PDB file of N, CA and C in Angstrom:
ATOM      1  N   MET A   1     -39.920   4.384 -35.405  1.00  0.00           N
ATOM      2  CA  MET A   1     -40.058   4.586 -36.645  1.00  0.00           C
ATOM      3  C   MET A   1     -41.151   4.963 -36.800  1.00  0.00           C
ATOM      4  N   ALA A   2     -42.359   5.841 -37.510  1.00  0.00           N
ATOM      5  CA  ALA A   2     -42.921   6.753 -37.610  1.00  0.00           C
ATOM      6  C   ALA A   2     -44.255   6.039 -38.173  1.00  0.00           C
ATOM      7  N   ASN A   3     -45.670   5.983 -37.345  1.00  0.00           N
ATOM      8  CA  ASN A   3     -46.601   5.134 -38.263  1.00  0.00           C
ATOM      9  C   ASN A   3     -47.379   5.532 -38.529  1.00  0.00           C
ATOM     10  N   THR A   4     -47.439   7.443 -38.608  1.00  0.00           N
ATOM     11  CA  THR A   4     -48.440   7.807 -40.064  1.00  0.00           C
ATOM     12  C   THR A   4     -47.484   9.083 -41.102  1.00  0.00           C
ATOM     13  N   LYS A   5     -48.349   9.819 -41.694  1.00  0.00           N
ATOM     14  CA  LYS A   5     -47.415  10.112 -42.641  1.00  0.00           C
ATOM     15  C   LYS A   5     -46.469  11.366 -41.584  1.00  0.00           C
ATOM     16  N   SER A   6     -47.969  11.905 -40.960  1.00  0.00           N
ATOM     17  CA  SER A   6     -47.578  13.273 -40.306  1.00  0.00           C
ATOM     18  C   SER A   6     -46.539  13.023 -39.322  1.00  0.00           C
ATOM     19  N   ALA A   7     -46.370  12.053 -38.371  1.00  0.00           N
ATOM     20  CA  ALA A   7     -45.109  11.463 -37.674  1.00  0.00           C
ATOM     21  C   ALA A   7     -43.992  11.804 -38.006  1.00  0.00           C
ATOM     22  N   ALA A   8     -43.805  11.114 -39.618  1.00  0.00           N
ATOM     23  CA  ALA A   8     -43.134  10.743 -39.970  1.00  0.00           C
ATOM     24  C   ALA A   8     -42.762  12.453 -40.519  1.00  0.00           C
ATOM     25  N   LYS A   9     -43.123  13.202 -40.769  1.00  0.00           N
ATOM     26  CA  LYS A   9     -43.240  14.229 -41.007  1.00  0.00           C
ATOM     27  C   LYS A   9     -42.482  15.091 -39.864  1.00  0.00           C
ATOM     28  N   ARG A  10     -42.665  14.929 -38.795  1.00  0.00           N
ATOM     29  CA  ARG A  10     -42.571  15.974 -37.927  1.00  0.00           C
ATOM     30  C   ARG A  10     -41.244  15.036 -37.553  1.00  0.00           C
ATOM     31  N   VAL A  11     -40.702  14.394 -37.738  1.00  0.00           N
ATOM     32  CA  VAL A  11     -39.600  13.629 -37.542  1.00  0.00           C
ATOM     33  C   VAL A  11     -38.634  14.252 -38.320  1.00  0.00           C
ATOM     34  N   ARG A  12     -38.739  14.175 -40.177  1.00  0.00           N
ATOM     35  CA  ARG A  12     -38.097  15.160 -40.413  1.00  0.00           C
ATOM     36  C   ARG A  12     -37.673  16.831 -39.771  1.00  0.00           C
ATOM     37  N   GLN A  13     -39.102  17.339 -39.360  1.00  0.00           N
ATOM     38  CA  GLN A  13     -39.129  18.412 -39.269  1.00  0.00           C
ATOM     39  C   GLN A  13     -38.061  18.624 -38.007  1.00  0.00           C
ATOM     40  N   ASN A  14     -37.989  17.558 -37.141  1.00  0.00           N
ATOM     41  CA  ASN A  14     -37.158  18.142 -36.039  1.00  0.00           C
ATOM     42  C   ASN A  14     -35.732  17.738 -36.191  1.00  0.00           C
ATOM     43  N   ALA A  15     -35.503  16.919 -36.929  1.00  0.00           N
ATOM     44  CA  ALA A  15     -34.013  16.694 -37.168  1.00  0.00           C
ATOM     45  C   ALA A  15     -33.574  18.116 -38.252  1.00  0.00           C
ATOM     46  N   ARG A  16     -34.324  18.490 -39.091  1.00  0.00           N
ATOM     47  CA  ARG A  16     -33.771  20.308 -39.788  1.00  0.00           C
ATOM     48  C   ARG A  16     -34.159  20.706 -38.876  1.00  0.00           C
ATOM     49  N   ASN A  17     -33.995  21.543 -37.979  1.00  0.00           N
ATOM     50  CA  ASN A  17     -34.426  21.947 -37.035  1.00  0.00           C
ATOM     51  C   ASN A  17     -33.471  22.179 -35.916  1.00  0.00           C
ATOM     52  N   ALA A  18     -33.138  20.700 -35.358  1.00  0.00           N
ATOM     53  CA  ALA A  18     -32.493  20.330 -34.163  1.00  0.00           C
ATOM     54  C   ALA A  18     -30.753  20.801 -35.205  1.00  0.00           C
ATOM     55  N   SER A  19     -30.514  20.330 -36.213  1.00  0.00           N
ATOM     56  CA  SER A  19     -29.654  21.064 -37.096  1.00  0.00           C
ATOM     57  C   SER A  19     -29.187  22.646 -37.110  1.00  0.00           C
ATOM     58  N   ARG A  20     -30.784  22.760 -36.977  1.00  0.00           N
ATOM     59  CA  ARG A  20     -30.304  24.649 -37.774  1.00  0.00           C
ATOM     60  C   ARG A  20     -30.125  25.558 -36.425  1.00  0.00           C
ATOM     61  N   ASN A  21     -30.582  24.761 -35.322  1.00  0.00           N
ATOM     62  CA  ASN A  21     -30.227  25.513 -33.934  1.00  0.00           C
ATOM     63  C   ASN A  21     -29.238  25.101 -33.598  1.00  0.00           C
ATOM     64  N   ALA A  22     -28.414  24.178 -33.573  1.00  0.00           N
ATOM     65  CA  ALA A  22     -27.232  23.795 -33.238  1.00  0.00           C
ATOM     66  C   ALA A  22     -26.390  24.559 -33.855  1.00  0.00           C
ATOM     67  N   SER A  23     -26.362  24.799 -35.430  1.00  0.00           N
ATOM     68  CA  SER A  23     -25.339  26.378 -35.804  1.00  0.00           C
ATOM     69  C   SER A  23     -25.417  27.073 -35.168  1.00  0.00           C
ATOM     70  N   VAL A  24     -26.739  28.048 -34.609  1.00  0.00           N
ATOM     71  CA  VAL A  24     -26.751  29.080 -34.345  1.00  0.00           C
ATOM     72  C   VAL A  24     -25.985  29.085 -32.739  1.00  0.00           C
ATOM     73  N   LEU A  25     -26.233  27.936 -32.000  1.00  0.00           N
ATOM     74  CA  LEU A  25     -25.754  27.823 -30.629  1.00  0.00           C
ATOM     75  C   LEU A  25     -24.245  27.565 -30.826  1.00  0.00           C
ATOM     76  N   SER A  26     -23.910  27.301 -31.900  1.00  0.00           N
ATOM     77  CA  SER A  26     -22.342  27.158 -31.843  1.00  0.00           C
ATOM     78  C   SER A  26     -21.678  28.661 -32.511  1.00  0.00           C
ATOM     79  N   THR A  27     -22.636  29.183 -33.596  1.00  0.00           N
ATOM     80  CA  THR A  27     -22.039  30.414 -33.879  1.00  0.00           C
ATOM     81  C   THR A  27     -22.456  31.476 -32.294  1.00  0.00           C
ATOM     82  N   LEU A  28     -23.335  31.516 -31.398  1.00  0.00           N
ATOM     83  CA  LEU A  28     -23.223  32.143 -30.262  1.00  0.00           C
ATOM     84  C   LEU A  28     -21.967  31.938 -29.200  1.00  0.00           C
ATOM     85  N   ARG A  29     -21.644  30.777 -29.392  1.00  0.00           N
ATOM     86  CA  ARG A  29     -20.227  30.448 -28.108  1.00  0.00           C
ATOM     87  C   ARG A  29     -19.208  30.586 -29.358  1.00  0.00           C
ATOM     88  N   THR A  30     -18.623  30.522 -30.352  1.00  0.00           N
ATOM     89  CA  THR A  30     -17.648  31.639 -30.925  1.00  0.00           C
ATOM     90  C   THR A  30     -17.876  32.628 -31.134  1.00  0.00           C
ATOM     91  N   ARG A  31     -19.220  33.392 -30.913  1.00  0.00           N
ATOM     92  CA  ARG A  31     -18.589  34.773 -31.374  1.00  0.00           C
ATOM     93  C   ARG A  31     -18.481  35.417 -29.792  1.00  0.00           C
ATOM     94  N   GLN A  32     -18.989  34.834 -28.788  1.00  0.00           N
ATOM     95  CA  GLN A  32     -18.531  34.840 -27.484  1.00  0.00           C
ATOM     96  C   GLN A  32     -17.553  34.910 -27.080  1.00  0.00           C
ATOM     97  N   LYS A  33     -16.338  33.870 -27.337  1.00  0.00           N
ATOM     98  CA  LYS A  33     -15.197  33.687 -27.020  1.00  0.00           C
ATOM     99  C   LYS A  33     -14.583  34.389 -28.212  1.00  0.00           C
ATOM    100  N   LYS A  34     -14.948  34.774 -28.757  1.00  0.00           N
ATOM    101  CA  LYS A  34     -13.891  36.046 -29.887  1.00  0.00           C
ATOM    102  C   LYS A  34     -13.610  37.153 -28.661  1.00  0.00           C
ATOM    103  N   LEU A  35     -15.348  37.823 -28.189  1.00  0.00           N
ATOM    104  CA  LEU A  35     -15.285  38.791 -28.035  1.00  0.00           C
ATOM    105  C   LEU A  35     -14.294  38.769 -26.686  1.00  0.00           C
ATOM    106  N   LEU A  36     -14.571  37.727 -25.702  1.00  0.00           N
ATOM    107  CA  LEU A  36     -13.825  37.600 -24.489  1.00  0.00           C
ATOM    108  C   LEU A  36     -11.984  37.890 -24.835  1.00  0.00           C
ATOM    109  N   ALA A  37     -11.814  37.382 -26.045  1.00  0.00           N
ATOM    110  CA  ALA A  37     -10.296  37.406 -26.164  1.00  0.00           C
ATOM    111  C   ALA A  37      -9.520  38.534 -27.276  1.00  0.00           C
ATOM    112  N   ILE A  38     -10.617  39.304 -27.216  1.00  0.00           N
ATOM    113  CA  ILE A  38     -10.170  40.929 -27.677  1.00  0.00           C
ATOM    114  C   ILE A  38      -9.567  41.389 -26.549  1.00  0.00           C
ATOM    115  N   PRO A  39      -8.264  41.981 -26.558  1.00  0.00           N
ATOM    116  CA  PRO A  39      -7.554  43.127 -25.799  1.00  0.00           C
ATOM    117  C   PRO A  39      -8.327  43.922 -24.909  1.00  0.00           C
ATOM    118  N   GLU A  40      -8.355  44.305 -23.774  1.00  0.00           N
ATOM    119  CA  GLU A  40      -8.864  45.174 -23.077  1.00  0.00           C
ATOM    120  C   GLU A  40      -8.837  46.359 -24.144  1.00  0.00           C
ATOM    121  N   GLY A  41      -7.735  47.054 -24.123  1.00  0.00           N
ATOM    122  CA  GLY A  41      -7.417  48.223 -24.371  1.00  0.00           C
ATOM    123  C   GLY A  41      -8.713  48.427 -25.659  1.00  0.00           C
ATOM    124  N   ASP A  42      -8.400  47.518 -26.581  1.00  0.00           N
ATOM    125  CA  ASP A  42      -8.735  47.766 -28.004  1.00  0.00           C
ATOM    126  C   ASP A  42     -10.891  48.388 -27.491  1.00  0.00           C
ATOM    127  N   LYS A  43     -11.264  49.780 -27.824  1.00  0.00           N
ATOM    128  CA  LYS A  43     -12.509  49.489 -27.131  1.00  0.00           C
ATOM    129  C   LYS A  43     -13.361  49.256 -28.148  1.00  0.00           C
ATOM    130  N   ALA A  44     -12.773  49.896 -29.277  1.00  0.00           N
ATOM    131  CA  ALA A  44     -14.156  50.111 -30.455  1.00  0.00           C
ATOM    132  C   ALA A  44     -14.373  48.539 -31.015  1.00  0.00           C
ATOM    133  N   THR A  45     -13.360  47.899 -30.698  1.00  0.00           N
ATOM    134  CA  THR A  45     -13.387  47.002 -31.649  1.00  0.00           C
ATOM    135  C   THR A  45     -14.603  45.675 -29.814  1.00  0.00           C
ATOM    136  N   ILE A  46     -14.233  46.060 -29.230  1.00  0.00           N
ATOM    137  CA  ILE A  46     -14.676  45.479 -28.286  1.00  0.00           C
ATOM    138  C   ILE A  46     -16.465  45.897 -28.592  1.00  0.00           C
ATOM    139  N   ARG A  47     -16.029  46.996 -28.770  1.00  0.00           N
ATOM    140  CA  ARG A  47     -18.123  47.809 -28.672  1.00  0.00           C
ATOM    141  C   ARG A  47     -18.618  47.320 -29.905  1.00  0.00           C
ATOM    142  N   LYS A  48     -17.890  47.052 -31.629  1.00  0.00           N
ATOM    143  CA  LYS A  48     -18.710  46.464 -31.987  1.00  0.00           C
ATOM    144  C   LYS A  48     -19.048  44.753 -32.043  1.00  0.00           C
ATOM    145  N   ALA A  49     -18.048  44.228 -31.035  1.00  0.00           N
ATOM    146  CA  ALA A  49     -18.286  42.911 -30.940  1.00  0.00           C
ATOM    147  C   ALA A  49     -19.679  42.865 -30.148  1.00  0.00           C
ATOM    148  N   SER A  50     -20.108  43.727 -29.219  1.00  0.00           N
ATOM    149  CA  SER A  50     -21.055  43.184 -28.272  1.00  0.00           C
ATOM    150  C   SER A  50     -21.999  43.893 -28.985  1.00  0.00           C
ATOM    151  N   MET A  51     -21.859  44.267 -29.599  1.00  0.00           N
ATOM    152  CA  MET A  51     -23.212  45.078 -30.528  1.00  0.00           C
ATOM    153  C   MET A  51     -23.624  43.734 -31.230  1.00  0.00           C
ATOM    154  N   ALA A  52     -22.593  43.614 -31.759  1.00  0.00           N
ATOM    155  CA  ALA A  52     -22.946  42.251 -33.154  1.00  0.00           C
ATOM    156  C   ALA A  52     -23.642  40.843 -32.186  1.00  0.00           C
ATOM    157  N   LEU A  53     -22.853  40.634 -31.297  1.00  0.00           N
ATOM    158  CA  LEU A  53     -23.843  39.355 -30.041  1.00  0.00           C
ATOM    159  C   LEU A  53     -24.755  39.878 -29.431  1.00  0.00           C
ATOM    160  N   SER A  54     -24.966  41.291 -29.293  1.00  0.00           N
ATOM    161  CA  SER A  54     -26.633  41.192 -28.642  1.00  0.00           C
ATOM    162  C   SER A  54     -27.116  40.745 -29.817  1.00  0.00           C
ATOM    163  N   SER A  55     -27.270  41.464 -31.217  1.00  0.00           N
ATOM    164  CA  SER A  55     -28.167  41.017 -32.035  1.00  0.00           C
ATOM    165  C   SER A  55     -28.382  39.733 -31.879  1.00  0.00           C
ATOM    166  N   LEU A  56     -27.255  38.927 -32.028  1.00  0.00           N
ATOM    167  CA  LEU A  56     -27.006  37.771 -32.570  1.00  0.00           C
ATOM    168  C   LEU A  56     -28.388  36.782 -31.884  1.00  0.00           C
ATOM    169  N   LEU A  57     -28.065  36.914 -30.039  1.00  0.00           N
ATOM    170  CA  LEU A  57     -28.545  36.575 -29.038  1.00  0.00           C
ATOM    171  C   LEU A  57     -30.385  36.971 -28.798  1.00  0.00           C
ATOM    172  N   ASP A  58     -30.431  38.130 -29.788  1.00  0.00           N
ATOM    173  CA  ASP A  58     -31.698  39.314 -29.983  1.00  0.00           C
ATOM    174  C   ASP A  58     -32.326  37.964 -30.958  1.00  0.00           C
ATOM    175  N   LYS A  59     -31.885  38.071 -32.082  1.00  0.00           N
ATOM    176  CA  LYS A  59     -32.465  36.610 -32.864  1.00  0.00           C
ATOM    177  C   LYS A  59     -32.476  35.816 -32.302  1.00  0.00           C
ATOM    178  N   ALA A  60     -31.539  34.574 -32.068  1.00  0.00           N
ATOM    179  CA  ALA A  60     -32.102  33.718 -31.350  1.00  0.00           C
ATOM    180  C   ALA A  60     -33.305  33.555 -30.539  1.00  0.00           C
ATOM    181  N   ALA A  61     -32.996  34.004 -29.893  1.00  0.00           N
ATOM    182  CA  ALA A  61     -34.148  34.399 -28.536  1.00  0.00           C
ATOM    183  C   ALA A  61     -35.616  34.539 -29.060  1.00  0.00           C
ATOM    184  N   LYS A  62     -35.376  35.303 -30.458  1.00  0.00           N
ATOM    185  CA  LYS A  62     -36.915  35.792 -31.095  1.00  0.00           C
ATOM    186  C   LYS A  62     -37.373  34.544 -31.466  1.00  0.00           C
ATOM    187  N   ARG A  63     -36.644  33.558 -32.193  1.00  0.00           N
ATOM    188  CA  ARG A  63     -36.908  32.250 -32.988  1.00  0.00           C
ATOM    189  C   ARG A  63     -36.732  31.315 -32.318  1.00  0.00           C
ATOM    190  N   GLY A  64     -37.326  31.432 -30.888  1.00  0.00           N
ATOM    191  CA  GLY A  64     -37.392  30.772 -30.046  1.00  0.00           C
ATOM    192  C   GLY A  64     -35.934  29.125 -29.506  1.00  0.00           C
ATOM    193  N   ILE A  65     -34.330  29.773 -30.353  1.00  0.00           N
ATOM    194  CA  ILE A  65     -33.586  29.019 -30.356  1.00  0.00           C
ATOM    195  C   ILE A  65     -33.190  28.850 -28.851  1.00  0.00           C
ATOM    196  N   ILE A  66     -32.750  30.010 -28.261  1.00  0.00           N
ATOM    197  CA  ILE A  66     -32.652  30.495 -26.794  1.00  0.00           C
ATOM    198  C   ILE A  66     -33.914  30.757 -26.132  1.00  0.00           C
ATOM    199  N   HIS A  67     -33.931  30.855 -24.803  1.00  0.00           N
ATOM    200  CA  HIS A  67     -35.118  31.559 -23.903  1.00  0.00           C
ATOM    201  C   HIS A  67     -34.738  33.184 -23.748  1.00  0.00           C
ATOM    202  N   ARG A  68     -35.548  34.082 -23.759  1.00  0.00           N
ATOM    203  CA  ARG A  68     -35.854  35.513 -23.865  1.00  0.00           C
ATOM    204  C   ARG A  68     -34.560  35.560 -22.190  1.00  0.00           C
ATOM    205  N   ASN A  69     -35.104  35.049 -21.437  1.00  0.00           N
ATOM    206  CA  ASN A  69     -33.992  35.203 -19.773  1.00  0.00           C
ATOM    207  C   ASN A  69     -32.945  34.873 -20.300  1.00  0.00           C
ATOM    208  N   LEU A  70     -32.403  34.024 -20.662  1.00  0.00           N
ATOM    209  CA  LEU A  70     -30.870  33.769 -21.494  1.00  0.00           C
ATOM    210  C   LEU A  70     -29.943  34.991 -22.174  1.00  0.00           C
ATOM    211  N   ALA A  71     -30.892  34.711 -23.195  1.00  0.00           N
ATOM    212  CA  ALA A  71     -30.501  36.065 -24.138  1.00  0.00           C
ATOM    213  C   ALA A  71     -30.147  37.212 -22.807  1.00  0.00           C
ATOM    214  N   ASN A  72     -31.189  37.800 -22.629  1.00  0.00           N
ATOM    215  CA  ASN A  72     -31.340  39.176 -21.452  1.00  0.00           C
ATOM    216  C   ASN A  72     -30.030  38.843 -20.225  1.00  0.00           C
ATOM    217  N   ARG A  73     -29.972  37.904 -19.893  1.00  0.00           N
ATOM    218  CA  ARG A  73     -28.684  37.692 -19.205  1.00  0.00           C
ATOM    219  C   ARG A  73     -27.545  37.502 -19.625  1.00  0.00           C
ATOM    220  N   LYS A  74     -27.103  36.764 -20.748  1.00  0.00           N
ATOM    221  CA  LYS A  74     -25.877  37.043 -21.703  1.00  0.00           C
ATOM    222  C   LYS A  74     -25.696  38.317 -21.982  1.00  0.00           C
ATOM    223  N   LYS A  75     -26.491  38.971 -22.334  1.00  0.00           N
ATOM    224  CA  LYS A  75     -26.363  40.817 -23.121  1.00  0.00           C
ATOM    225  C   LYS A  75     -26.070  41.090 -21.785  1.00  0.00           C
ATOM    226  N   SER A  76     -26.168  41.606 -20.740  1.00  0.00           N
ATOM    227  CA  SER A  76     -26.084  42.085 -19.191  1.00  0.00           C
ATOM    228  C   SER A  76     -24.646  41.653 -18.549  1.00  0.00           C
ATOM    229  N   ARG A  77     -24.388  40.608 -19.168  1.00  0.00           N
ATOM    230  CA  ARG A  77     -22.665  40.283 -18.278  1.00  0.00           C
ATOM    231  C   ARG A  77     -21.827  40.504 -19.661  1.00  0.00           C
ATOM    232  N   LEU A  78     -21.872  40.953 -20.500  1.00  0.00           N
ATOM    233  CA  LEU A  78     -21.176  41.507 -21.997  1.00  0.00           C
ATOM    234  C   LEU A  78     -20.534  42.267 -21.202  1.00  0.00           C
ATOM    235  N   PRO A  79     -19.113  42.412 -21.908  1.00  0.00           N
ATOM    236  CA  PRO A  79     -18.776  43.953 -21.507  1.00  0.00           C
ATOM    237  C   PRO A  79     -19.084  45.138 -22.337  1.00  0.00           C
ATOM    238  N   SER A  80     -19.253  46.056 -21.292  1.00  0.00           N
ATOM    239  CA  SER A  80     -20.117  47.423 -21.990  1.00  0.00           C
ATOM    240  C   SER A  80     -19.380  48.160 -21.967  1.00  0.00           C
ATOM    241  N   VAL A  81     -18.012  48.285 -22.950  1.00  0.00           N
ATOM    242  CA  VAL A  81     -17.348  49.619 -22.962  1.00  0.00           C
ATOM    243  C   VAL A  81     -17.891  50.802 -24.195  1.00  0.00           C
ATOM    244  N   GLY A  82     -18.393  51.711 -23.771  1.00  0.00           N
ATOM    245  CA  GLY A  82     -19.115  52.535 -24.692  1.00  0.00           C
ATOM    246  C   GLY A  82     -20.148  52.429 -25.155  1.00  0.00           C
ATOM    247  N   ILE A  83     -20.582  51.653 -24.810  1.00  0.00           N
ATOM    248  CA  ILE A  83     -22.056  51.561 -25.354  1.00  0.00           C
ATOM    249  C   ILE A  83     -23.476  52.093 -24.365  1.00  0.00           C
ATOM    250  N   PRO A  84     -23.999  53.124 -24.919  1.00  0.00           N
ATOM    251  CA  PRO A  84     -24.921  53.580 -24.551  1.00  0.00           C
ATOM    252  C   PRO A  84     -26.255  53.372 -24.411  1.00  0.00           C
ATOM    253  N   PRO A  85     -26.319  53.572 -23.028  1.00  0.00           N
ATOM    254  CA  PRO A  85     -28.123  52.610 -23.044  1.00  0.00           C
ATOM    255  C   PRO A  85     -29.091  52.740 -23.807  1.00  0.00           C
ATOM    256  N   ARG A  86     -30.025  52.430 -23.702  1.00  0.00           N
ATOM    257  CA  ARG A  86     -31.128  52.336 -25.324  1.00  0.00           C
ATOM    258  C   ARG A  86     -32.155  53.120 -24.689  1.00  0.00           C
ATOM    259  N   GLU A  87     -32.954  53.924 -25.166  1.00  0.00           N
ATOM    260  CA  GLU A  87     -33.849  55.168 -25.001  1.00  0.00           C
ATOM    261  C   GLU A  87     -34.954  54.294 -23.979  1.00  0.00           C
ATOM    262  N   GLY A  88     -35.062  54.542 -23.410  1.00  0.00           N
ATOM    263  CA  GLY A  88     -36.394  54.010 -22.220  1.00  0.00           C
ATOM    264  C   GLY A  88     -35.445  53.544 -21.146  1.00  0.00           C
ATOM    265  N   ALA A  89     -34.452  52.746 -21.024  1.00  0.00           N
ATOM    266  CA  ALA A  89     -34.055  52.335 -19.929  1.00  0.00           C
ATOM    267  C   ALA A  89     -33.680  52.733 -18.980  1.00  0.00           C
ATOM    268  N   VAL A  90     -33.832  52.604 -17.793  1.00  0.00           N
ATOM    269  CA  VAL A  90     -33.360  52.694 -16.396  1.00  0.00           C
ATOM    270  C   VAL A  90     -31.849  52.521 -15.890  1.00  0.00           C
ATOM    271  N   SER A  91     -31.293  53.481 -15.862  1.00  0.00           N
ATOM    272  CA  SER A  91     -30.043  52.913 -15.359  1.00  0.00           C
ATOM    273  C   SER A  91     -30.116  53.269 -13.757  1.00  0.00           C
ATOM    274  N   SER A  92     -28.841  51.893 -13.700  1.00  0.00           N
ATOM    275  CA  SER A  92     -29.422  51.976 -11.659  1.00  0.00           C
ATOM    276  C   SER A  92     -28.618  52.982 -10.975  1.00  0.00           C
ATOM    277  N   THR A  93     -28.489  53.909 -11.295  1.00  0.00           N
ATOM    278  CA  THR A  93     -28.217  54.888 -10.962  1.00  0.00           C
ATOM    279  C   THR A  93     -29.067  55.628 -10.363  1.00  0.00           C
ATOM    280  N   ALA A  94     -30.181  55.880 -11.437  1.00  0.00           N
ATOM    281  CA  ALA A  94     -31.451  56.702 -11.509  1.00  0.00           C
ATOM    282  C   ALA A  94     -31.935  55.697 -10.501  1.00  0.00           C
ATOM    283  N   ALA A  95     -32.497  54.526 -10.831  1.00  0.00           N
ATOM    284  CA  ALA A  95     -33.335  53.802 -10.019  1.00  0.00           C
ATOM    285  C   ALA A  95     -33.383  53.822  -8.727  1.00  0.00           C
ATOM    286  N   ALA A  96     -31.694  53.841  -8.155  1.00  0.00           N
ATOM    287  CA  ALA A  96     -31.785  53.894  -6.829  1.00  0.00           C
ATOM    288  C   ALA A  96     -31.854  55.519  -6.141  1.00  0.00           C
ATOM    289  N   THR A  97     -31.826  57.078  -6.815  1.00  0.00           N
ATOM    290  CA  THR A  97     -32.191  57.107  -6.498  1.00  0.00           C
ATOM    291  C   THR A  97     -34.042  57.897  -5.943  1.00  0.00           C
TER     292      THR A  97
END
């Protein structure tokens, strides 16, 4: 039990934020499972789902729900069917030469 008003407020805030964070994490896991369940030949759907998941990962990292490196690692492992690289990004073949 909290001893001060501010401690009681922090308990309430932590409970609210934990609930919100759990919801976002659940959404991320669900979207990732749905993306992996898409058949390989459906490139348009894979591309759309990959971009949507990438956006959700970035937003979660920006809000501090997941670490920035975790978001980047998950994005790099997404199926990248027909997704053009971002401007200024160095491709692995260009970096090797």
